[in-house]
Amino acid sequence: MKLSLSKEYGTPLPFIDHLGIERVENPEGRALLAMELKPMFQNSWNAAHGGVIMTMIDSAMSLAVRLHLQGAPGGVLTIEMNTKFIRPGLGDRLVAEGRVIGGGRTTLFCEAEVRDGAGHLVAKGMGTMKPLKKKEA
């Protein structure tokens, strides 16, 4: 089952919604995201555009932080992120999985992988994320 991130987070995420990135519900509670790789999100070689892949990595790491902390009421900021592209993202689907690998409550270190529909590794990324406290009204 797929879940809308905008609905789950309770805040509009127009770019994520435009790409159609959705959370994949799973019994392990892992930070899994998926999207249909439509032609409009492909480059001139009919592979996933690098910006789409990086957005999936960023979003998977953000979700991993939210799950790790059991919420992030003010959102999650990306302090820095790097990406290694392994192979072209081909096919009709991309799946990203994010994990927290270290840090504390104010700064967390994460990694994520993006795979194509056949399970081939497309890209790996690492990042430093900062969860925000809820803004006061």
N, C-alpha and C. Protein backbone atom coordinates (compact mmCIF):
# COMPACT_ATOMS: atom_id res chain seq x y z
N MET A 1 0.84 -1.19 0.00
CA MET A 1 0.00 0.00 0.00
C MET A 1 0.89 1.25 0.00
N LYS A 2 0.52 2.24 -0.80
CA LYS A 2 1.28 3.49 -0.87
C LYS A 2 0.55 4.57 -0.09
N LEU A 3 1.34 5.46 0.53
CA LEU A 3 0.80 6.55 1.32
C LEU A 3 1.36 7.87 0.83
N SER A 4 0.51 8.89 0.70
CA SER A 4 0.95 10.22 0.29
C SER A 4 1.77 10.85 1.41
N LEU A 5 2.96 11.35 1.08
CA LEU A 5 3.80 12.00 2.09
C LEU A 5 3.18 13.31 2.56
N SER A 6 2.53 14.06 1.67
CA SER A 6 1.88 15.31 2.08
C SER A 6 0.82 15.03 3.15
N LYS A 7 0.02 14.00 2.93
CA LYS A 7 -1.02 13.66 3.91
C LYS A 7 -0.41 13.14 5.19
N GLU A 8 0.62 12.29 5.07
CA GLU A 8 1.24 11.70 6.25
C GLU A 8 1.93 12.76 7.11
N TYR A 9 2.62 13.71 6.47
CA TYR A 9 3.33 14.74 7.22
C TYR A 9 2.42 15.89 7.64
N GLY A 10 1.24 15.99 7.01
CA GLY A 10 0.32 17.06 7.35
C GLY A 10 0.76 18.42 6.84
N THR A 11 1.55 18.43 5.77
CA THR A 11 2.02 19.68 5.18
C THR A 11 2.15 19.49 3.67
N PRO A 12 1.89 20.52 2.89
CA PRO A 12 2.00 20.36 1.43
C PRO A 12 3.45 20.11 1.00
N LEU A 13 3.63 19.17 0.10
CA LEU A 13 4.92 18.88 -0.50
C LEU A 13 4.71 18.86 -2.02
N PRO A 14 4.52 20.03 -2.64
CA PRO A 14 4.10 20.08 -4.05
C PRO A 14 5.05 19.38 -5.02
N PHE A 15 6.37 19.51 -4.83
CA PHE A 15 7.31 18.88 -5.76
C PHE A 15 7.26 17.37 -5.62
N ILE A 16 7.21 16.86 -4.39
CA ILE A 16 7.11 15.42 -4.14
C ILE A 16 5.80 14.89 -4.74
N ASP A 17 4.72 15.63 -4.53
CA ASP A 17 3.43 15.22 -5.09
C ASP A 17 3.48 15.21 -6.62
N HIS A 18 4.13 16.21 -7.23
CA HIS A 18 4.25 16.28 -8.69
C HIS A 18 4.99 15.05 -9.23
N LEU A 19 6.04 14.64 -8.53
CA LEU A 19 6.80 13.46 -8.97
C LEU A 19 6.05 12.16 -8.69
N GLY A 20 5.08 12.22 -7.78
CA GLY A 20 4.32 11.01 -7.45
C GLY A 20 5.05 10.09 -6.49
N ILE A 21 5.98 10.65 -5.71
CA ILE A 21 6.71 9.84 -4.73
C ILE A 21 5.78 9.55 -3.56
N GLU A 22 5.68 8.27 -3.21
CA GLU A 22 4.80 7.85 -2.12
C GLU A 22 5.54 6.90 -1.19
N ARG A 23 5.14 6.90 0.05
CA ARG A 23 5.70 5.97 1.02
C ARG A 23 5.10 4.58 0.79
N VAL A 24 5.95 3.57 0.85
CA VAL A 24 5.49 2.19 0.74
C VAL A 24 5.39 1.62 2.14
N GLU A 25 4.17 1.29 2.53
CA GLU A 25 3.95 0.72 3.84
C GLU A 25 4.57 -0.67 3.88
N ASN A 26 5.28 -0.98 4.97
CA ASN A 26 5.91 -2.28 5.10
C ASN A 26 5.92 -2.69 6.57
N PRO A 27 5.86 -3.98 6.85
CA PRO A 27 5.75 -4.44 8.24
C PRO A 27 6.97 -4.13 9.09
N GLU A 28 8.13 -3.95 8.47
CA GLU A 28 9.35 -3.67 9.23
C GLU A 28 9.46 -2.21 9.64
N GLY A 29 8.60 -1.35 9.09
CA GLY A 29 8.65 0.07 9.40
C GLY A 29 9.83 0.79 8.78
N ARG A 30 10.38 0.23 7.70
CA ARG A 30 11.52 0.86 7.03
C ARG A 30 11.09 2.10 6.26
N ALA A 31 12.03 2.97 5.99
CA ALA A 31 11.78 4.19 5.22
C ALA A 31 11.86 3.86 3.74
N LEU A 32 10.76 3.40 3.18
CA LEU A 32 10.69 3.02 1.77
C LEU A 32 9.79 3.97 1.00
N LEU A 33 10.29 4.42 -0.16
CA LEU A 33 9.52 5.29 -1.05
C LEU A 33 9.55 4.68 -2.44
N ALA A 34 8.53 4.98 -3.23
CA ALA A 34 8.48 4.49 -4.61
C ALA A 34 7.82 5.54 -5.49
N MET A 35 8.15 5.47 -6.77
CA MET A 35 7.50 6.33 -7.76
C MET A 35 7.50 5.65 -9.11
N GLU A 36 6.49 6.00 -9.90
CA GLU A 36 6.42 5.55 -11.28
C GLU A 36 7.33 6.44 -12.10
N LEU A 37 8.20 5.83 -12.90
CA LEU A 37 9.14 6.60 -13.72
C LEU A 37 8.49 6.94 -15.06
N LYS A 38 7.76 8.04 -15.07
CA LYS A 38 7.07 8.50 -16.28
C LYS A 38 8.08 9.15 -17.23
N PRO A 39 7.77 9.19 -18.53
CA PRO A 39 8.69 9.79 -19.50
C PRO A 39 9.10 11.22 -19.15
N MET A 40 8.21 11.99 -18.54
CA MET A 40 8.54 13.38 -18.21
C MET A 40 9.64 13.49 -17.14
N PHE A 41 9.95 12.39 -16.46
CA PHE A 41 10.99 12.40 -15.42
C PHE A 41 12.27 11.72 -15.89
N GLN A 42 12.37 11.52 -17.20
CA GLN A 42 13.54 10.85 -17.77
C GLN A 42 14.42 11.84 -18.52
N ASN A 43 15.68 11.45 -18.69
CA ASN A 43 16.60 12.29 -19.46
C ASN A 43 16.58 11.86 -20.92
N SER A 44 17.50 12.37 -21.71
CA SER A 44 17.51 12.08 -23.15
C SER A 44 17.90 10.64 -23.47
N TRP A 45 18.37 9.87 -22.48
CA TRP A 45 18.69 8.45 -22.67
C TRP A 45 17.58 7.54 -22.15
N ASN A 46 16.42 8.14 -21.85
CA ASN A 46 15.27 7.39 -21.33
C ASN A 46 15.54 6.74 -19.98
N ALA A 47 16.42 7.35 -19.22
CA ALA A 47 16.72 6.90 -17.86
C ALA A 47 16.23 7.98 -16.90
N ALA A 48 16.10 7.62 -15.64
CA ALA A 48 15.66 8.59 -14.63
C ALA A 48 16.60 9.79 -14.60
N HIS A 49 16.04 10.98 -14.58
CA HIS A 49 16.83 12.20 -14.48
C HIS A 49 17.55 12.20 -13.14
N GLY A 50 18.80 12.66 -13.11
CA GLY A 50 19.59 12.69 -11.88
C GLY A 50 18.93 13.46 -10.76
N GLY A 51 18.22 14.54 -11.10
CA GLY A 51 17.54 15.32 -10.07
C GLY A 51 16.40 14.55 -9.42
N VAL A 52 15.74 13.69 -10.18
CA VAL A 52 14.67 12.85 -9.63
C VAL A 52 15.28 11.84 -8.66
N ILE A 53 16.39 11.24 -9.05
CA ILE A 53 17.07 10.27 -8.19
C ILE A 53 17.52 10.94 -6.90
N MET A 54 18.11 12.13 -7.00
CA MET A 54 18.58 12.83 -5.81
C MET A 54 17.41 13.24 -4.91
N THR A 55 16.28 13.59 -5.50
CA THR A 55 15.09 13.92 -4.71
C THR A 55 14.61 12.70 -3.94
N MET A 56 14.66 11.54 -4.58
CA MET A 56 14.25 10.31 -3.88
C MET A 56 15.19 10.01 -2.72
N ILE A 57 16.49 10.20 -2.92
CA ILE A 57 17.47 9.97 -1.84
C ILE A 57 17.20 10.92 -0.68
N ASP A 58 17.04 12.19 -0.99
CA ASP A 58 16.77 13.21 0.04
C ASP A 58 15.49 12.89 0.81
N SER A 59 14.45 12.52 0.09
CA SER A 59 13.16 12.23 0.71
C SER A 59 13.22 10.97 1.57
N ALA A 60 13.95 9.95 1.11
CA ALA A 60 14.08 8.71 1.89
C ALA A 60 14.87 8.96 3.18
N MET A 61 15.90 9.80 3.12
CA MET A 61 16.66 10.11 4.33
C MET A 61 15.80 10.92 5.30
N SER A 62 15.02 11.85 4.78
CA SER A 62 14.12 12.64 5.63
C SER A 62 13.10 11.74 6.32
N LEU A 63 12.52 10.80 5.59
CA LEU A 63 11.58 9.87 6.18
C LEU A 63 12.27 9.01 7.23
N ALA A 64 13.49 8.58 6.97
CA ALA A 64 14.24 7.78 7.95
C ALA A 64 14.42 8.55 9.26
N VAL A 65 14.71 9.85 9.17
CA VAL A 65 14.85 10.69 10.37
C VAL A 65 13.52 10.74 11.12
N ARG A 66 12.44 10.97 10.42
CA ARG A 66 11.12 11.04 11.07
C ARG A 66 10.78 9.73 11.78
N LEU A 67 11.08 8.61 11.15
CA LEU A 67 10.81 7.31 11.77
C LEU A 67 11.73 7.07 12.96
N HIS A 68 13.00 7.43 12.82
CA HIS A 68 13.98 7.24 13.88
C HIS A 68 13.61 8.03 15.14
N LEU A 69 13.15 9.26 14.93
CA LEU A 69 12.79 10.14 16.05
C LEU A 69 11.32 10.01 16.45
N GLN A 70 10.59 9.18 15.75
CA GLN A 70 9.14 9.03 15.95
C GLN A 70 8.43 10.37 15.78
N GLY A 71 8.84 11.06 14.71
CA GLY A 71 8.23 12.33 14.34
C GLY A 71 9.25 13.44 14.23
N ALA A 72 8.90 14.48 13.53
CA ALA A 72 9.69 15.71 13.39
C ALA A 72 8.67 16.80 13.09
N PRO A 73 8.04 17.35 14.14
CA PRO A 73 6.90 18.26 13.94
C PRO A 73 7.20 19.49 13.10
N GLY A 74 8.44 19.97 13.09
CA GLY A 74 8.77 21.15 12.31
C GLY A 74 9.37 20.83 10.96
N GLY A 75 9.50 19.53 10.63
CA GLY A 75 10.09 19.12 9.38
C GLY A 75 11.54 18.71 9.55
N VAL A 76 12.19 18.38 8.45
CA VAL A 76 13.59 17.94 8.45
C VAL A 76 14.32 18.73 7.38
N LEU A 77 15.44 19.34 7.75
CA LEU A 77 16.28 20.07 6.80
C LEU A 77 17.47 19.23 6.39
N THR A 78 17.84 19.31 5.14
CA THR A 78 19.06 18.66 4.67
C THR A 78 20.20 19.66 4.80
N ILE A 79 21.20 19.32 5.61
CA ILE A 79 22.36 20.20 5.80
C ILE A 79 23.34 19.99 4.64
N GLU A 80 23.59 18.75 4.31
CA GLU A 80 24.44 18.43 3.16
C GLU A 80 24.08 17.05 2.67
N MET A 81 24.38 16.80 1.38
CA MET A 81 24.05 15.51 0.78
C MET A 81 24.99 15.25 -0.39
N ASN A 82 25.40 14.00 -0.55
CA ASN A 82 26.17 13.63 -1.75
C ASN A 82 25.53 12.40 -2.37
N THR A 83 25.74 12.24 -3.65
CA THR A 83 25.14 11.13 -4.38
C THR A 83 26.17 10.51 -5.30
N LYS A 84 26.17 9.19 -5.33
CA LYS A 84 26.99 8.42 -6.28
C LYS A 84 26.03 7.70 -7.21
N PHE A 85 26.13 7.97 -8.50
CA PHE A 85 25.29 7.32 -9.49
C PHE A 85 26.01 6.04 -9.94
N ILE A 86 25.33 4.90 -9.84
CA ILE A 86 25.93 3.61 -10.11
C ILE A 86 25.59 3.12 -11.53
N ARG A 87 24.31 3.22 -11.89
CA ARG A 87 23.86 2.78 -13.21
C ARG A 87 22.61 3.57 -13.57
N PRO A 88 22.21 3.58 -14.83
CA PRO A 88 21.01 4.32 -15.22
C PRO A 88 19.76 3.75 -14.54
N GLY A 89 18.86 4.62 -14.18
CA GLY A 89 17.57 4.22 -13.63
C GLY A 89 16.61 3.94 -14.76
N LEU A 90 16.49 2.69 -15.12
CA LEU A 90 15.65 2.29 -16.26
C LEU A 90 14.39 1.59 -15.77
N GLY A 91 13.45 1.41 -16.66
CA GLY A 91 12.21 0.72 -16.32
C GLY A 91 11.11 1.69 -15.98
N ASP A 92 10.11 1.20 -15.28
CA ASP A 92 8.94 2.03 -15.01
C ASP A 92 8.76 2.39 -13.53
N ARG A 93 9.73 2.03 -12.67
CA ARG A 93 9.56 2.26 -11.23
C ARG A 93 10.91 2.45 -10.57
N LEU A 94 10.94 3.35 -9.59
CA LEU A 94 12.11 3.53 -8.73
C LEU A 94 11.68 3.34 -7.29
N VAL A 95 12.56 2.74 -6.50
CA VAL A 95 12.31 2.53 -5.07
C VAL A 95 13.52 3.04 -4.31
N ALA A 96 13.27 3.80 -3.24
CA ALA A 96 14.35 4.32 -2.40
C ALA A 96 14.16 3.84 -0.97
N GLU A 97 15.27 3.53 -0.33
CA GLU A 97 15.24 3.17 1.09
C GLU A 97 16.26 4.02 1.83
N GLY A 98 15.82 4.66 2.91
CA GLY A 98 16.70 5.50 3.72
C GLY A 98 16.91 4.91 5.10
N ARG A 99 18.06 5.21 5.69
CA ARG A 99 18.41 4.74 7.03
C ARG A 99 19.17 5.82 7.78
N VAL A 100 18.95 5.91 9.08
CA VAL A 100 19.79 6.73 9.96
C VAL A 100 20.95 5.85 10.38
N ILE A 101 22.18 6.36 10.22
CA ILE A 101 23.36 5.56 10.57
C ILE A 101 24.14 6.13 11.74
N GLY A 102 23.73 7.30 12.25
CA GLY A 102 24.42 7.88 13.41
C GLY A 102 23.89 9.25 13.73
N GLY A 103 24.49 9.84 14.76
CA GLY A 103 24.10 11.18 15.17
C GLY A 103 23.30 11.16 16.45
N GLY A 104 22.68 12.28 16.75
CA GLY A 104 21.91 12.42 17.98
C GLY A 104 20.50 12.87 17.70
N ARG A 105 20.02 13.81 18.52
CA ARG A 105 18.65 14.29 18.34
C ARG A 105 18.59 15.56 17.49
N THR A 106 19.70 16.27 17.35
CA THR A 106 19.67 17.53 16.60
C THR A 106 20.33 17.43 15.22
N THR A 107 21.24 16.49 15.04
CA THR A 107 21.89 16.27 13.75
C THR A 107 22.02 14.77 13.56
N LEU A 108 21.55 14.29 12.42
CA LEU A 108 21.61 12.86 12.14
C LEU A 108 22.30 12.61 10.82
N PHE A 109 23.03 11.50 10.76
CA PHE A 109 23.73 11.09 9.56
C PHE A 109 22.95 9.94 8.93
N CYS A 110 22.70 10.07 7.64
CA CYS A 110 21.82 9.12 6.95
C CYS A 110 22.46 8.62 5.66
N GLU A 111 21.90 7.53 5.17
CA GLU A 111 22.25 7.03 3.85
C GLU A 111 20.98 6.53 3.18
N ALA A 112 21.01 6.46 1.87
CA ALA A 112 19.86 5.97 1.12
C ALA A 112 20.35 5.34 -0.18
N GLU A 113 19.54 4.41 -0.67
CA GLU A 113 19.79 3.77 -1.96
C GLU A 113 18.54 3.89 -2.82
N VAL A 114 18.75 4.02 -4.11
CA VAL A 114 17.65 3.98 -5.07
C VAL A 114 17.89 2.79 -5.98
N ARG A 115 16.83 2.01 -6.19
CA ARG A 115 16.89 0.84 -7.07
C ARG A 115 15.80 0.95 -8.13
N ASP A 116 16.04 0.32 -9.26
CA ASP A 116 15.01 0.30 -10.30
C ASP A 116 14.03 -0.83 -10.02
N GLY A 117 13.03 -0.97 -10.87
CA GLY A 117 12.00 -1.98 -10.66
C GLY A 117 12.53 -3.40 -10.65
N ALA A 118 13.67 -3.65 -11.28
CA ALA A 118 14.27 -4.98 -11.30
C ALA A 118 15.17 -5.22 -10.09
N GLY A 119 15.31 -4.19 -9.24
CA GLY A 119 16.14 -4.34 -8.05
C GLY A 119 17.59 -3.94 -8.23
N HIS A 120 17.95 -3.44 -9.40
CA HIS A 120 19.34 -3.01 -9.64
C HIS A 120 19.63 -1.70 -8.90
N LEU A 121 20.80 -1.62 -8.28
CA LEU A 121 21.21 -0.40 -7.59
C LEU A 121 21.47 0.70 -8.60
N VAL A 122 20.77 1.82 -8.46
CA VAL A 122 20.90 2.96 -9.36
C VAL A 122 21.81 4.02 -8.77
N ALA A 123 21.64 4.31 -7.47
CA ALA A 123 22.44 5.36 -6.83
C ALA A 123 22.45 5.15 -5.31
N LYS A 124 23.50 5.69 -4.69
CA LYS A 124 23.62 5.70 -3.23
C LYS A 124 23.90 7.14 -2.81
N GLY A 125 23.36 7.51 -1.67
CA GLY A 125 23.61 8.85 -1.16
C GLY A 125 23.81 8.84 0.34
N MET A 126 24.48 9.87 0.81
CA MET A 126 24.65 10.08 2.24
C MET A 126 24.33 11.54 2.52
N GLY A 127 23.87 11.81 3.74
CA GLY A 127 23.54 13.18 4.06
C GLY A 127 23.52 13.44 5.56
N THR A 128 23.55 14.69 5.89
CA THR A 128 23.42 15.16 7.26
C THR A 128 22.10 15.90 7.35
N MET A 129 21.27 15.47 8.28
CA MET A 129 19.90 15.98 8.37
C MET A 129 19.67 16.62 9.74
N LYS A 130 18.82 17.65 9.76
CA LYS A 130 18.50 18.36 11.00
C LYS A 130 16.98 18.40 11.18
N PRO A 131 16.48 17.69 12.20
CA PRO A 131 15.04 17.78 12.48
C PRO A 131 14.74 19.12 13.17
N LEU A 132 13.62 19.72 12.83
CA LEU A 132 13.24 21.01 13.40
C LEU A 132 12.13 20.82 14.44
N LYS A 133 12.18 21.68 15.44
CA LYS A 133 11.10 21.70 16.43
C LYS A 133 9.89 22.40 15.82
N LYS A 134 8.73 22.10 16.31
CA LYS A 134 7.51 22.71 15.79
C LYS A 134 7.54 24.21 16.02
N LYS A 135 7.18 24.95 15.00
CA LYS A 135 7.12 26.41 15.11
C LYS A 135 5.96 26.79 15.99
N GLU A 136 6.18 27.79 16.82
CA GLU A 136 5.09 28.27 17.68
C GLU A 136 4.25 29.27 16.92
N ALA A 137 2.94 29.23 17.14
CA ALA A 137 2.01 30.12 16.44
C ALA A 137 2.08 31.52 16.97
